[in-house]
N, C-alpha and C. Protein backbone atom coordinates (compact mmCIF):
# COMPACT_ATOMS: atom_id res chain seq x y z
N MET A 1 4.84 11.50 -20.37
CA MET A 1 4.60 10.25 -19.65
C MET A 1 3.71 9.91 -20.21
N LEU A 2 3.82 8.66 -20.97
CA LEU A 2 2.06 8.00 -21.51
C LEU A 2 2.08 6.16 -20.80
N VAL A 3 1.26 5.89 -20.66
CA VAL A 3 0.97 4.81 -20.94
C VAL A 3 0.45 4.07 -22.36
N GLU A 4 0.98 3.06 -22.34
CA GLU A 4 0.24 1.83 -23.20
C GLU A 4 -0.21 0.52 -23.41
N GLN A 5 -1.87 0.99 -23.30
CA GLN A 5 -2.33 -0.65 -23.08
C GLN A 5 -2.28 -1.29 -23.87
N ARG A 6 -1.95 -2.38 -23.87
CA ARG A 6 -2.06 -3.69 -24.60
C ARG A 6 -3.21 -4.77 -24.80
N THR A 7 -3.85 -5.18 -25.53
CA THR A 7 -5.40 -5.87 -25.03
C THR A 7 -5.47 -6.49 -26.24
N TYR A 8 -5.07 -8.33 -25.43
CA TYR A 8 -5.45 -8.97 -26.37
C TYR A 8 -6.15 -10.46 -25.96
N VAL A 9 -7.10 -10.92 -27.22
CA VAL A 9 -8.08 -11.77 -26.82
C VAL A 9 -7.46 -13.33 -27.57
N LEU A 10 -7.61 -14.13 -26.66
CA LEU A 10 -7.44 -15.30 -26.83
C LEU A 10 -7.96 -16.01 -27.69
N VAL A 11 -7.31 -17.06 -28.70
CA VAL A 11 -8.70 -18.18 -29.16
C VAL A 11 -9.19 -19.07 -28.33
N THR A 12 -10.17 -19.28 -28.84
CA THR A 12 -10.98 -19.97 -27.72
C THR A 12 -10.65 -21.62 -27.29
N SER A 13 -9.92 -22.10 -28.30
CA SER A 13 -8.97 -23.14 -27.62
C SER A 13 -7.89 -23.21 -26.95
N ALA A 14 -7.77 -22.19 -26.68
CA ALA A 14 -6.11 -21.75 -26.44
C ALA A 14 -6.49 -21.77 -24.91
N SER A 15 -5.10 -22.09 -23.79
CA SER A 15 -5.59 -22.48 -22.17
C SER A 15 -4.80 -20.71 -21.94
N LEU A 16 -5.76 -20.05 -21.03
CA LEU A 16 -5.54 -18.73 -20.86
C LEU A 16 -4.28 -19.36 -19.40
N ARG A 17 -4.51 -20.23 -18.66
CA ARG A 17 -3.27 -20.75 -17.80
C ARG A 17 -2.02 -21.00 -18.39
N GLU A 18 -2.30 -21.68 -19.36
CA GLU A 18 -0.86 -21.99 -20.36
C GLU A 18 -0.24 -20.23 -20.75
N TYR A 19 -0.54 -19.78 -21.44
CA TYR A 19 -0.47 -18.66 -21.99
C TYR A 19 0.43 -17.90 -21.01
N LEU A 20 -0.36 -18.33 -19.73
CA LEU A 20 -0.15 -16.60 -18.97
C LEU A 20 1.31 -17.56 -17.97
N HIS A 21 1.12 -18.69 -18.28
CA HIS A 21 2.75 -19.04 -17.81
C HIS A 21 3.66 -18.94 -18.54
N HIS A 22 3.69 -19.35 -19.95
CA HIS A 22 4.79 -18.94 -20.71
C HIS A 22 5.22 -17.28 -21.04
N TYR A 23 4.55 -16.64 -20.47
CA TYR A 23 4.81 -15.51 -20.62
C TYR A 23 4.71 -14.81 -19.50
N GLU A 24 4.78 -15.59 -18.43
CA GLU A 24 5.11 -15.34 -16.85
C GLU A 24 6.89 -15.89 -17.04
N THR A 25 7.25 -17.21 -17.43
CA THR A 25 7.94 -17.24 -17.13
C THR A 25 9.55 -17.44 -18.46
N ILE A 26 8.79 -16.98 -19.34
CA ILE A 26 9.77 -16.80 -20.80
C ILE A 26 9.51 -15.55 -21.25
N GLY A 27 8.85 -14.65 -21.08
CA GLY A 27 8.51 -13.28 -21.85
C GLY A 27 8.66 -11.57 -20.56
N LEU A 28 7.82 -12.35 -19.58
CA LEU A 28 8.00 -11.08 -18.90
C LEU A 28 8.95 -10.86 -18.24
N PRO A 29 9.96 -11.79 -18.07
CA PRO A 29 11.82 -11.38 -17.41
C PRO A 29 12.65 -10.87 -18.47
N VAL A 30 12.42 -11.05 -19.84
CA VAL A 30 12.43 -10.36 -20.36
C VAL A 30 12.23 -8.82 -21.04
N GLN A 31 10.57 -8.72 -20.65
CA GLN A 31 10.40 -7.27 -21.24
C GLN A 31 10.77 -6.65 -20.11
N LYS A 32 10.51 -6.83 -18.94
CA LYS A 32 10.82 -5.87 -17.52
C LYS A 32 12.07 -5.01 -17.64
N PRO A 33 13.19 -5.94 -18.10
CA PRO A 33 14.28 -4.99 -17.55
C PRO A 33 14.54 -4.14 -18.80
N ILE A 34 14.13 -4.43 -20.43
CA ILE A 34 14.22 -3.58 -21.42
C ILE A 34 13.17 -2.74 -21.71
N LEU A 35 11.89 -2.77 -21.20
CA LEU A 35 10.57 -1.80 -21.31
C LEU A 35 10.81 -1.06 -20.50
N GLY A 36 11.04 -1.99 -18.96
CA GLY A 36 10.99 -0.87 -18.31
C GLY A 36 9.10 -0.30 -17.70
N GLY A 37 8.84 0.43 -16.81
CA GLY A 37 7.93 0.96 -16.82
C GLY A 37 6.21 0.00 -16.96
N PHE A 38 6.38 -1.43 -16.32
CA PHE A 38 5.38 -2.31 -16.27
C PHE A 38 4.21 -2.09 -15.16
N LEU A 39 3.13 -1.63 -15.28
CA LEU A 39 2.21 -1.80 -14.36
C LEU A 39 1.37 -2.79 -13.99
N GLY A 40 1.16 -3.40 -14.63
CA GLY A 40 0.58 -4.36 -14.30
C GLY A 40 -0.29 -5.17 -15.84
N TYR A 41 -0.47 -6.36 -15.47
CA TYR A 41 -0.73 -7.60 -16.94
C TYR A 41 -2.69 -8.19 -15.43
N PHE A 42 -3.47 -8.13 -16.37
CA PHE A 42 -4.68 -8.13 -16.02
C PHE A 42 -5.75 -9.14 -16.73
N VAL A 43 -6.51 -10.37 -15.97
CA VAL A 43 -7.46 -10.85 -16.82
C VAL A 43 -8.67 -10.46 -16.75
N THR A 44 -9.27 -11.00 -17.76
CA THR A 44 -11.12 -10.68 -17.43
C THR A 44 -11.67 -11.87 -16.80
N GLU A 45 -13.06 -11.23 -16.18
CA GLU A 45 -13.71 -12.23 -15.18
C GLU A 45 -15.34 -11.88 -15.86
N PHE A 46 -15.73 -10.71 -16.34
CA PHE A 46 -16.71 -10.74 -16.86
C PHE A 46 -16.27 -10.02 -17.67
N GLY A 47 -17.37 -9.76 -19.09
CA GLY A 47 -17.15 -9.49 -20.08
C GLY A 47 -16.34 -10.41 -21.22
N VAL A 48 -15.77 -9.78 -21.70
CA VAL A 48 -15.02 -10.76 -23.22
C VAL A 48 -13.96 -11.54 -22.57
N GLN A 49 -14.61 -12.87 -22.56
CA GLN A 49 -13.55 -13.92 -21.98
C GLN A 49 -12.48 -14.06 -23.11
N ASN A 50 -11.41 -14.62 -22.06
CA ASN A 50 -9.41 -14.69 -22.45
C ASN A 50 -9.55 -13.54 -22.89
N GLN A 51 -9.53 -12.56 -22.46
CA GLN A 51 -9.16 -11.72 -22.88
C GLN A 51 -7.71 -10.78 -21.50
N LEU A 52 -6.76 -10.62 -22.02
CA LEU A 52 -5.70 -10.16 -21.39
C LEU A 52 -5.06 -8.77 -21.23
N VAL A 53 -4.97 -7.68 -20.44
CA VAL A 53 -4.78 -6.55 -20.63
C VAL A 53 -3.58 -5.94 -19.41
N HIS A 54 -2.55 -5.52 -20.70
CA HIS A 54 -0.97 -4.80 -19.64
C HIS A 54 -0.74 -3.21 -19.88
N LEU A 55 -0.40 -3.13 -19.05
CA LEU A 55 0.04 -1.53 -19.23
C LEU A 55 1.54 -1.30 -18.87
N TRP A 56 2.02 -0.38 -19.26
CA TRP A 56 3.49 -0.75 -19.34
C TRP A 56 3.32 1.36 -19.53
N ALA A 57 4.36 1.82 -19.11
CA ALA A 57 4.66 3.40 -18.51
C ALA A 57 5.72 3.80 -19.62
N TYR A 58 5.44 4.79 -20.76
CA TYR A 58 6.97 5.11 -21.57
C TYR A 58 7.50 6.51 -20.97
N ALA A 59 8.70 7.24 -21.37
CA ALA A 59 8.20 8.93 -20.78
C ALA A 59 7.66 9.29 -22.48
N ASP A 60 8.06 9.05 -23.49
CA ASP A 60 7.12 9.36 -24.47
C ASP A 60 7.42 8.52 -25.69
N LEU A 61 6.73 9.07 -26.66
CA LEU A 61 6.75 7.65 -27.71
C LEU A 61 8.03 7.66 -28.35
N GLU A 62 9.02 8.06 -28.08
CA GLU A 62 10.77 7.92 -28.68
C GLU A 62 11.06 6.89 -27.56
N ASP A 63 10.99 7.36 -26.59
CA ASP A 63 10.86 5.96 -25.52
C ASP A 63 10.70 4.80 -25.62
N ARG A 64 9.27 4.57 -26.37
CA ARG A 64 8.88 3.39 -26.39
C ARG A 64 8.83 2.42 -27.71
N ARG A 65 9.53 3.48 -28.72
CA ARG A 65 9.94 3.03 -29.42
C ARG A 65 11.31 2.53 -30.10
N ARG A 66 11.92 2.49 -28.74
CA ARG A 66 13.08 2.19 -28.49
C ARG A 66 13.62 1.48 -27.78
N ARG A 67 12.57 0.93 -26.90
CA ARG A 67 12.63 0.07 -26.44
C ARG A 67 11.67 -0.97 -26.78
N ARG A 68 10.75 -0.73 -27.48
CA ARG A 68 10.15 -1.41 -28.19
C ARG A 68 11.29 -2.79 -29.70
N GLU A 69 11.64 -1.72 -30.41
CA GLU A 69 13.16 -2.35 -31.12
C GLU A 69 14.00 -3.04 -30.61
N GLU A 70 14.53 -2.84 -29.37
CA GLU A 70 15.16 -3.85 -28.39
C GLU A 70 14.64 -4.71 -27.97
N LEU A 71 13.09 -4.61 -28.00
CA LEU A 71 12.70 -5.69 -27.52
C LEU A 71 12.79 -7.01 -28.16
N ALA A 72 12.20 -6.65 -29.74
CA ALA A 72 12.10 -6.91 -31.01
C ALA A 72 13.34 -7.99 -31.23
N ALA A 73 14.76 -6.95 -31.08
CA ALA A 73 15.35 -7.98 -31.33
C ALA A 73 16.38 -8.93 -30.32
N ASN A 74 15.93 -9.06 -29.06
CA ASN A 74 15.71 -10.21 -28.15
C ASN A 74 15.35 -11.27 -28.58
N GLU A 75 16.49 -12.67 -27.95
CA GLU A 75 16.36 -13.88 -28.63
C GLU A 75 14.99 -14.72 -28.34
N GLN A 76 15.43 -14.07 -26.67
CA GLN A 76 14.63 -14.70 -25.74
C GLN A 76 13.50 -14.61 -25.70
N TRP A 77 13.13 -13.25 -26.38
CA TRP A 77 11.34 -12.73 -26.91
C TRP A 77 11.20 -13.06 -27.97
N GLN A 78 11.71 -13.34 -28.83
CA GLN A 78 11.16 -14.09 -30.18
C GLN A 78 10.66 -15.49 -30.20
N ARG A 79 11.59 -16.18 -29.30
CA ARG A 79 11.56 -17.50 -28.11
C ARG A 79 9.72 -17.79 -27.98
N CYS A 80 9.84 -16.70 -27.15
CA CYS A 80 8.23 -16.36 -26.17
C CYS A 80 7.48 -16.44 -27.06
N LEU A 81 7.12 -15.64 -28.49
CA LEU A 81 6.53 -15.03 -29.05
C LEU A 81 6.19 -16.09 -30.21
N ALA A 82 7.32 -17.27 -30.25
CA ALA A 82 6.46 -17.96 -31.38
C ALA A 82 5.41 -18.95 -30.48
N ILE A 83 5.65 -19.33 -29.07
CA ILE A 83 4.74 -19.73 -28.44
C ILE A 83 3.42 -19.02 -28.05
N ILE A 84 3.90 -18.19 -27.52
CA ILE A 84 2.14 -17.57 -27.76
C ILE A 84 1.31 -16.57 -28.52
N ARG A 85 1.78 -16.66 -29.69
CA ARG A 85 1.59 -15.37 -30.99
C ARG A 85 0.32 -16.65 -31.74
N PRO A 86 0.54 -17.89 -31.51
CA PRO A 86 -0.47 -18.37 -31.99
C PRO A 86 -1.82 -18.42 -31.00
N MET A 87 -1.52 -18.13 -29.93
CA MET A 87 -2.75 -18.14 -29.08
C MET A 87 -3.52 -17.34 -29.00
N ILE A 88 -3.38 -16.21 -29.41
CA ILE A 88 -3.59 -14.58 -29.61
C ILE A 88 -4.68 -14.73 -31.31
N MET A 89 -5.96 -14.13 -30.77
CA MET A 89 -7.24 -14.33 -31.95
C MET A 89 -6.61 -12.69 -32.38
N THR A 90 -6.73 -11.58 -31.00
CA THR A 90 -6.67 -10.69 -31.54
C THR A 90 -5.81 -9.68 -30.80
N MET A 91 -5.16 -8.24 -31.31
CA MET A 91 -4.78 -7.59 -30.25
C MET A 91 -4.65 -6.07 -30.57
N GLU A 92 -4.72 -5.07 -29.08
CA GLU A 92 -5.47 -3.91 -29.58
C GLU A 92 -4.48 -3.04 -28.57
N ASN A 93 -3.45 -2.17 -29.36
CA ASN A 93 -3.10 -1.14 -28.48
C ASN A 93 -3.47 0.44 -28.75
N LYS A 94 -3.04 0.88 -27.31
CA LYS A 94 -3.78 2.12 -27.27
C LYS A 94 -2.50 3.05 -26.39
N VAL A 95 -2.35 4.32 -26.90
CA VAL A 95 -1.26 5.00 -26.39
C VAL A 95 -2.51 6.29 -25.50
N MET A 96 -1.72 6.56 -24.09
CA MET A 96 -3.22 7.12 -22.95
C MET A 96 -1.75 8.30 -22.22
N TYR A 97 -2.15 9.16 -22.45
CA TYR A 97 -1.70 10.63 -21.58
C TYR A 97 -2.59 10.59 -20.59
N PRO A 98 -2.14 10.90 -19.66
CA PRO A 98 -2.42 11.37 -18.33
C PRO A 98 -3.09 12.73 -17.99
N THR A 99 -4.39 12.76 -17.56
CA THR A 99 -4.86 13.70 -17.51
C THR A 99 -4.01 15.01 -16.12
N SER A 100 -4.51 16.34 -15.89
CA SER A 100 -3.73 16.77 -14.42
C SER A 100 -4.25 16.74 -13.44
N PHE A 101 -4.90 15.64 -13.29
CA PHE A 101 -5.58 15.11 -11.71
C PHE A 101 -5.69 13.43 -11.85
N SER A 102 -4.87 13.11 -12.84
CA SER A 102 -4.36 11.26 -12.37
C SER A 102 -3.54 11.17 -11.47
N PRO A 103 -3.35 10.14 -10.43
CA PRO A 103 -2.61 10.12 -9.54
C PRO A 103 -0.83 9.81 -10.41
N ILE A 104 -1.60 8.69 -11.58
CA ILE A 104 -0.19 8.50 -12.09
C ILE A 104 0.13 9.46 -13.89
N ARG A 105 1.06 10.52 -13.27
CA ARG A 105 1.64 11.30 -14.18
C ARG A 105 2.56 11.74 -14.50
N SER A 106 3.86 11.61 -13.76
CA SER A 106 4.81 11.06 -14.61
C SER A 106 6.12 10.42 -14.01
N LEU A 107 7.34 9.84 -14.64
CA LEU A 107 8.39 9.14 -14.23
C LEU A 107 8.96 9.08 -12.99
N PRO A 108 9.41 8.60 -11.83
CA PRO A 108 9.25 7.07 -11.99
C PRO A 108 7.96 6.77 -11.32
N VAL A 109 6.99 5.75 -12.36
CA VAL A 109 6.25 5.20 -11.53
C VAL A 109 6.39 4.21 -10.82
N GLN A 110 5.25 4.38 -9.21
CA GLN A 110 5.79 3.81 -8.05
C GLN A 110 4.86 2.21 -8.34
N THR A 111 5.03 0.94 -8.75
CA THR A 111 4.14 0.14 -8.81
C THR A 111 3.98 -1.40 -8.11
N GLY A 112 5.04 -0.80 -6.52
CA GLY A 112 4.68 -1.91 -5.37
C GLY A 112 6.15 -2.42 -5.35
N GLU A 113 6.80 -2.16 -6.93
CA GLU A 113 8.03 -2.72 -6.88
C GLU A 113 9.19 -2.03 -6.07
N GLU A 114 10.25 -1.86 -6.91
CA GLU A 114 11.39 -0.27 -6.75
C GLU A 114 10.74 0.12 -7.34
N HIS A 115 11.09 1.41 -7.87
CA HIS A 115 10.31 2.96 -8.58
C HIS A 115 11.44 1.92 -9.82
N THR A 116 10.29 2.19 -10.70
CA THR A 116 10.69 2.34 -11.99
C THR A 116 11.16 3.34 -12.74
N ALA A 117 12.90 3.62 -13.51
CA ALA A 117 13.21 4.75 -13.73
C ALA A 117 12.97 4.62 -15.34
N LEU A 118 12.76 5.46 -16.09
CA LEU A 118 12.32 5.65 -17.48
C LEU A 118 13.51 6.06 -17.72
N SER A 119 14.41 6.69 -18.92
CA SER A 119 15.42 7.48 -19.30
C SER A 119 15.14 7.62 -20.05
C-alpha cells in the first residue's frame, strides 16, 4: 500500500473558497469512485498560505497509474481541471509508504465513511 500526498499552492489572486467549491461539487464526486482511497483534503492555517494538501491511498504504483489514467479520460474531471488549474500556482506530489508501526498500513483504509476497498 502507498499514500500519495498532493500539495497545491494557489495563486494569490485565487479565492480558496471558490477553488474548494468547484473541487467539492465537480471534481471530488468524479475522483472518489475512480481513485478510491480518499483519505482527506486539508487547508493550512499557518505557514504557507493558500496551500491545499490531499491524501489518496493506492494498492501500489500500478494501481495508482491505472486509476489516474482513467480519471484523466473522464470528461467531468477535465471540466473541473479547466476551472481549477488556472487557480494553482505550484503542485507537488509525494508517494509515501507506511512504516511498520503506522496505523495505516494496508487496504482497505477506514476513513470514517464505508471502507474503501481497492483492488
